[in-house]
N, C-alpha and C. Protein backbone atom coordinates (compact mmCIF):
# COMPACT_ATOMS: atom_id res chain seq x y z
N MET A 1 160.31 80.74 115.62
CA MET A 1 161.54 80.13 115.15
C MET A 1 162.68 81.08 115.46
N SER A 2 163.69 80.56 116.08
CA SER A 2 164.81 81.41 116.46
C SER A 2 165.99 81.18 115.51
N ILE A 3 166.83 82.16 115.46
CA ILE A 3 168.03 82.06 114.64
C ILE A 3 169.07 81.29 115.44
N GLN A 4 169.63 80.29 114.80
CA GLN A 4 170.62 79.46 115.48
C GLN A 4 171.92 79.47 114.70
N ARG A 5 172.99 79.27 115.42
CA ARG A 5 174.29 79.17 114.78
C ARG A 5 174.45 77.81 114.12
N LYS A 6 175.28 77.79 113.09
CA LYS A 6 175.61 76.52 112.45
C LYS A 6 176.37 75.65 113.43
N PRO A 7 176.05 74.37 113.48
CA PRO A 7 176.84 73.50 114.36
C PRO A 7 178.26 73.35 113.82
N LYS A 8 179.20 73.24 114.72
CA LYS A 8 180.58 73.05 114.30
C LYS A 8 180.74 71.63 113.77
N THR A 9 181.45 71.53 112.65
CA THR A 9 181.67 70.20 112.07
C THR A 9 182.94 69.61 112.66
N ALA A 10 182.86 68.35 112.96
CA ALA A 10 184.02 67.66 113.54
C ALA A 10 185.05 67.40 112.44
N THR A 11 186.30 67.41 112.81
CA THR A 11 187.34 67.09 111.83
C THR A 11 187.35 65.59 111.60
N ALA A 12 187.80 65.19 110.45
CA ALA A 12 187.83 63.78 110.09
C ALA A 12 188.79 63.02 111.01
N THR A 13 188.35 61.86 111.42
CA THR A 13 189.19 61.02 112.27
C THR A 13 190.02 60.09 111.39
N ALA A 14 190.96 59.43 111.99
CA ALA A 14 191.81 58.50 111.24
C ALA A 14 190.97 57.35 110.70
N ALA A 15 189.97 56.91 111.48
CA ALA A 15 189.11 55.82 111.03
C ALA A 15 188.30 56.24 109.81
N GLN A 16 187.81 57.48 109.82
CA GLN A 16 187.06 57.97 108.67
C GLN A 16 187.96 58.06 107.44
N ASP A 17 189.15 58.58 107.61
CA ASP A 17 190.09 58.67 106.49
C ASP A 17 190.44 57.29 105.94
N ALA A 18 190.65 56.32 106.82
CA ALA A 18 190.98 54.97 106.39
C ALA A 18 189.82 54.36 105.61
N PHE A 19 188.58 54.62 106.07
CA PHE A 19 187.41 54.12 105.39
C PHE A 19 187.31 54.70 103.98
N ILE A 20 187.50 55.99 103.87
CA ILE A 20 187.42 56.66 102.58
C ILE A 20 188.52 56.18 101.65
N GLN A 21 189.73 56.04 102.15
CA GLN A 21 190.85 55.58 101.33
C GLN A 21 190.69 54.12 100.92
N GLY A 22 189.85 53.37 101.63
CA GLY A 22 189.62 51.97 101.30
C GLY A 22 188.64 51.77 100.16
N ALA A 23 187.99 52.82 99.73
CA ALA A 23 187.02 52.73 98.64
C ALA A 23 187.74 52.37 97.34
N PRO A 24 187.08 51.59 96.47
CA PRO A 24 187.73 51.18 95.22
C PRO A 24 188.16 52.34 94.34
N ASP A 25 187.41 53.43 94.35
CA ASP A 25 187.76 54.55 93.49
C ASP A 25 188.68 55.55 94.16
N ALA A 26 189.14 55.24 95.36
CA ALA A 26 190.01 56.17 96.09
C ALA A 26 191.49 55.87 95.87
N SER A 27 191.79 54.84 95.11
CA SER A 27 193.20 54.49 94.92
C SER A 27 193.93 55.62 94.22
N LYS A 28 195.15 55.79 94.58
CA LYS A 28 195.95 56.86 94.00
C LYS A 28 196.93 56.27 92.99
N ALA A 29 196.34 55.53 92.06
CA ALA A 29 197.15 54.93 91.01
C ALA A 29 197.71 56.02 90.11
N GLU A 30 198.75 55.66 89.41
CA GLU A 30 199.37 56.62 88.52
C GLU A 30 198.37 57.05 87.45
N PRO A 31 198.17 58.35 87.26
CA PRO A 31 197.19 58.79 86.27
C PRO A 31 197.60 58.41 84.85
N ALA A 32 196.62 58.07 84.05
CA ALA A 32 196.88 57.74 82.66
C ALA A 32 197.28 59.00 81.91
N ALA A 33 197.94 58.82 80.81
CA ALA A 33 198.33 59.97 80.00
C ALA A 33 197.07 60.72 79.56
N ALA A 34 197.15 62.02 79.53
CA ALA A 34 196.00 62.84 79.17
C ALA A 34 195.56 62.53 77.74
N TYR A 35 194.27 62.40 77.57
CA TYR A 35 193.69 62.17 76.24
C TYR A 35 192.99 63.45 75.86
N GLU A 36 193.42 64.08 74.80
CA GLU A 36 192.99 65.44 74.49
C GLU A 36 191.87 65.55 73.47
N LYS A 37 191.36 64.44 72.94
CA LYS A 37 190.29 64.54 71.95
C LYS A 37 188.97 64.81 72.66
N GLY A 38 188.09 65.55 72.01
CA GLY A 38 186.80 65.90 72.61
C GLY A 38 186.95 67.09 73.54
N ILE A 39 185.82 67.54 74.06
CA ILE A 39 185.79 68.68 74.98
C ILE A 39 185.77 68.15 76.41
N SER A 40 186.64 68.65 77.24
CA SER A 40 186.74 68.19 78.62
C SER A 40 185.48 68.58 79.39
N LYS A 41 184.86 67.60 80.04
CA LYS A 41 183.68 67.80 80.90
C LYS A 41 183.93 67.03 82.19
N GLY A 42 184.64 67.64 83.12
CA GLY A 42 184.98 66.94 84.36
C GLY A 42 185.98 65.85 84.06
N HIS A 43 185.62 64.62 84.43
CA HIS A 43 186.51 63.47 84.20
C HIS A 43 186.20 62.77 82.89
N LYS A 44 185.29 63.35 82.10
CA LYS A 44 184.89 62.73 80.85
C LYS A 44 185.18 63.66 79.68
N ARG A 45 184.93 63.18 78.47
CA ARG A 45 185.11 63.96 77.25
C ARG A 45 183.79 63.98 76.49
N GLN A 46 183.41 65.15 76.01
CA GLN A 46 182.21 65.31 75.20
C GLN A 46 182.58 65.16 73.74
N ILE A 47 181.81 64.34 73.02
CA ILE A 47 182.04 64.13 71.60
C ILE A 47 180.74 64.35 70.84
N THR A 48 180.83 64.43 69.52
CA THR A 48 179.65 64.50 68.67
C THR A 48 179.47 63.13 68.05
N LEU A 49 178.23 62.65 68.06
CA LEU A 49 177.94 61.32 67.55
C LEU A 49 176.80 61.42 66.55
N THR A 50 176.99 60.86 65.37
CA THR A 50 175.93 60.79 64.37
C THR A 50 175.37 59.39 64.42
N ILE A 51 174.05 59.28 64.54
CA ILE A 51 173.42 57.99 64.73
C ILE A 51 172.16 57.89 63.87
N ALA A 52 171.87 56.71 63.37
CA ALA A 52 170.68 56.48 62.56
C ALA A 52 169.42 56.71 63.40
N PRO A 53 168.38 57.30 62.83
CA PRO A 53 167.16 57.59 63.60
C PRO A 53 166.55 56.36 64.27
N GLU A 54 166.54 55.23 63.59
CA GLU A 54 165.96 54.01 64.18
C GLU A 54 166.79 53.53 65.37
N LEU A 55 168.09 53.62 65.27
CA LEU A 55 168.95 53.23 66.38
C LEU A 55 168.77 54.18 67.56
N LEU A 56 168.64 55.47 67.28
CA LEU A 56 168.40 56.45 68.34
C LEU A 56 167.07 56.18 69.03
N ARG A 57 166.05 55.82 68.26
CA ARG A 57 164.75 55.50 68.85
C ARG A 57 164.87 54.32 69.81
N LYS A 58 165.63 53.30 69.41
CA LYS A 58 165.83 52.13 70.27
C LYS A 58 166.59 52.51 71.54
N VAL A 59 167.61 53.35 71.39
CA VAL A 59 168.37 53.82 72.56
C VAL A 59 167.45 54.57 73.51
N ASP A 60 166.62 55.45 72.97
CA ASP A 60 165.69 56.21 73.80
C ASP A 60 164.68 55.31 74.50
N GLU A 61 164.22 54.26 73.82
CA GLU A 61 163.29 53.30 74.44
C GLU A 61 163.95 52.60 75.62
N VAL A 62 165.18 52.15 75.44
CA VAL A 62 165.91 51.49 76.53
C VAL A 62 166.12 52.46 77.68
N ALA A 63 166.49 53.70 77.36
CA ALA A 63 166.72 54.70 78.40
C ALA A 63 165.44 54.94 79.21
N LYS A 64 164.32 55.06 78.52
CA LYS A 64 163.05 55.30 79.22
C LYS A 64 162.66 54.09 80.07
N ARG A 65 162.81 52.89 79.50
CA ARG A 65 162.43 51.66 80.21
C ARG A 65 163.27 51.44 81.47
N THR A 66 164.56 51.78 81.39
CA THR A 66 165.46 51.54 82.52
C THR A 66 165.60 52.74 83.44
N GLY A 67 165.06 53.89 83.03
CA GLY A 67 165.16 55.09 83.86
C GLY A 67 166.54 55.72 83.83
N GLN A 68 167.29 55.45 82.78
CA GLN A 68 168.63 56.01 82.65
C GLN A 68 168.64 57.09 81.58
N ALA A 69 169.68 57.88 81.60
CA ALA A 69 169.86 58.90 80.58
C ALA A 69 170.32 58.24 79.28
N ARG A 70 170.05 58.90 78.18
CA ARG A 70 170.48 58.40 76.87
C ARG A 70 171.99 58.19 76.86
N ALA A 71 172.74 59.15 77.40
CA ALA A 71 174.21 59.04 77.41
C ALA A 71 174.66 57.82 78.21
N ALA A 72 173.97 57.52 79.31
CA ALA A 72 174.34 56.36 80.12
C ALA A 72 174.14 55.06 79.34
N VAL A 73 173.05 54.97 78.58
CA VAL A 73 172.79 53.77 77.77
C VAL A 73 173.86 53.63 76.69
N ILE A 74 174.19 54.72 76.03
CA ILE A 74 175.22 54.68 74.98
C ILE A 74 176.57 54.31 75.58
N ASN A 75 176.92 54.90 76.72
CA ASN A 75 178.19 54.58 77.38
C ASN A 75 178.27 53.10 77.75
N MET A 76 177.18 52.55 78.30
CA MET A 76 177.18 51.14 78.69
C MET A 76 177.29 50.24 77.47
N ALA A 77 176.61 50.59 76.39
CA ALA A 77 176.69 49.78 75.18
C ALA A 77 178.11 49.77 74.62
N ILE A 78 178.74 50.93 74.60
CA ILE A 78 180.12 51.01 74.11
C ILE A 78 181.05 50.22 75.02
N PHE A 79 180.88 50.37 76.33
CA PHE A 79 181.71 49.65 77.28
C PHE A 79 181.58 48.14 77.08
N ARG A 80 180.34 47.66 76.97
CA ARG A 80 180.13 46.22 76.79
C ARG A 80 180.69 45.73 75.46
N ALA A 81 180.58 46.54 74.43
CA ALA A 81 181.12 46.14 73.13
C ALA A 81 182.64 46.05 73.18
N LEU A 82 183.28 47.00 73.84
CA LEU A 82 184.74 47.01 73.89
C LEU A 82 185.29 45.98 74.88
N GLU A 83 184.59 45.74 75.97
CA GLU A 83 185.06 44.76 76.96
C GLU A 83 184.67 43.33 76.58
N GLY A 84 183.67 43.19 75.74
CA GLY A 84 183.25 41.87 75.29
C GLY A 84 184.13 41.37 74.17
N ASP A 85 183.60 40.45 73.41
CA ASP A 85 184.41 39.85 72.33
C ASP A 85 184.01 40.37 70.95
N ILE A 86 183.27 41.45 70.87
CA ILE A 86 182.84 41.96 69.57
C ILE A 86 184.02 42.40 68.72
N PHE A 87 184.98 43.08 69.31
CA PHE A 87 186.11 43.63 68.54
C PHE A 87 187.41 42.87 68.77
N GLN A 88 187.35 41.71 69.36
CA GLN A 88 188.57 40.92 69.60
C GLN A 88 189.02 40.33 68.26
N SER A 89 190.32 40.33 68.07
CA SER A 89 190.83 39.78 66.81
C SER A 89 191.40 38.40 66.99
């Protein structure tokens, strides 16, 4: 096995840039006002949550069955509750 140099990487072309900018999450919309509650973890906030043991067991069962993390299951449940009609007045 011989030692080889790293291949040179090509610079991004206009077509590549246009493709990337066309992605739904690439929009450069005006950023929302900073929300300072919780501990900053990248683009998310870490919070402390107290939950009943039986409810936690059910969350863990769903997480295991779907192959998702516990946090992902909780996030999806909260999202669906807030986007649905549960809290609509």
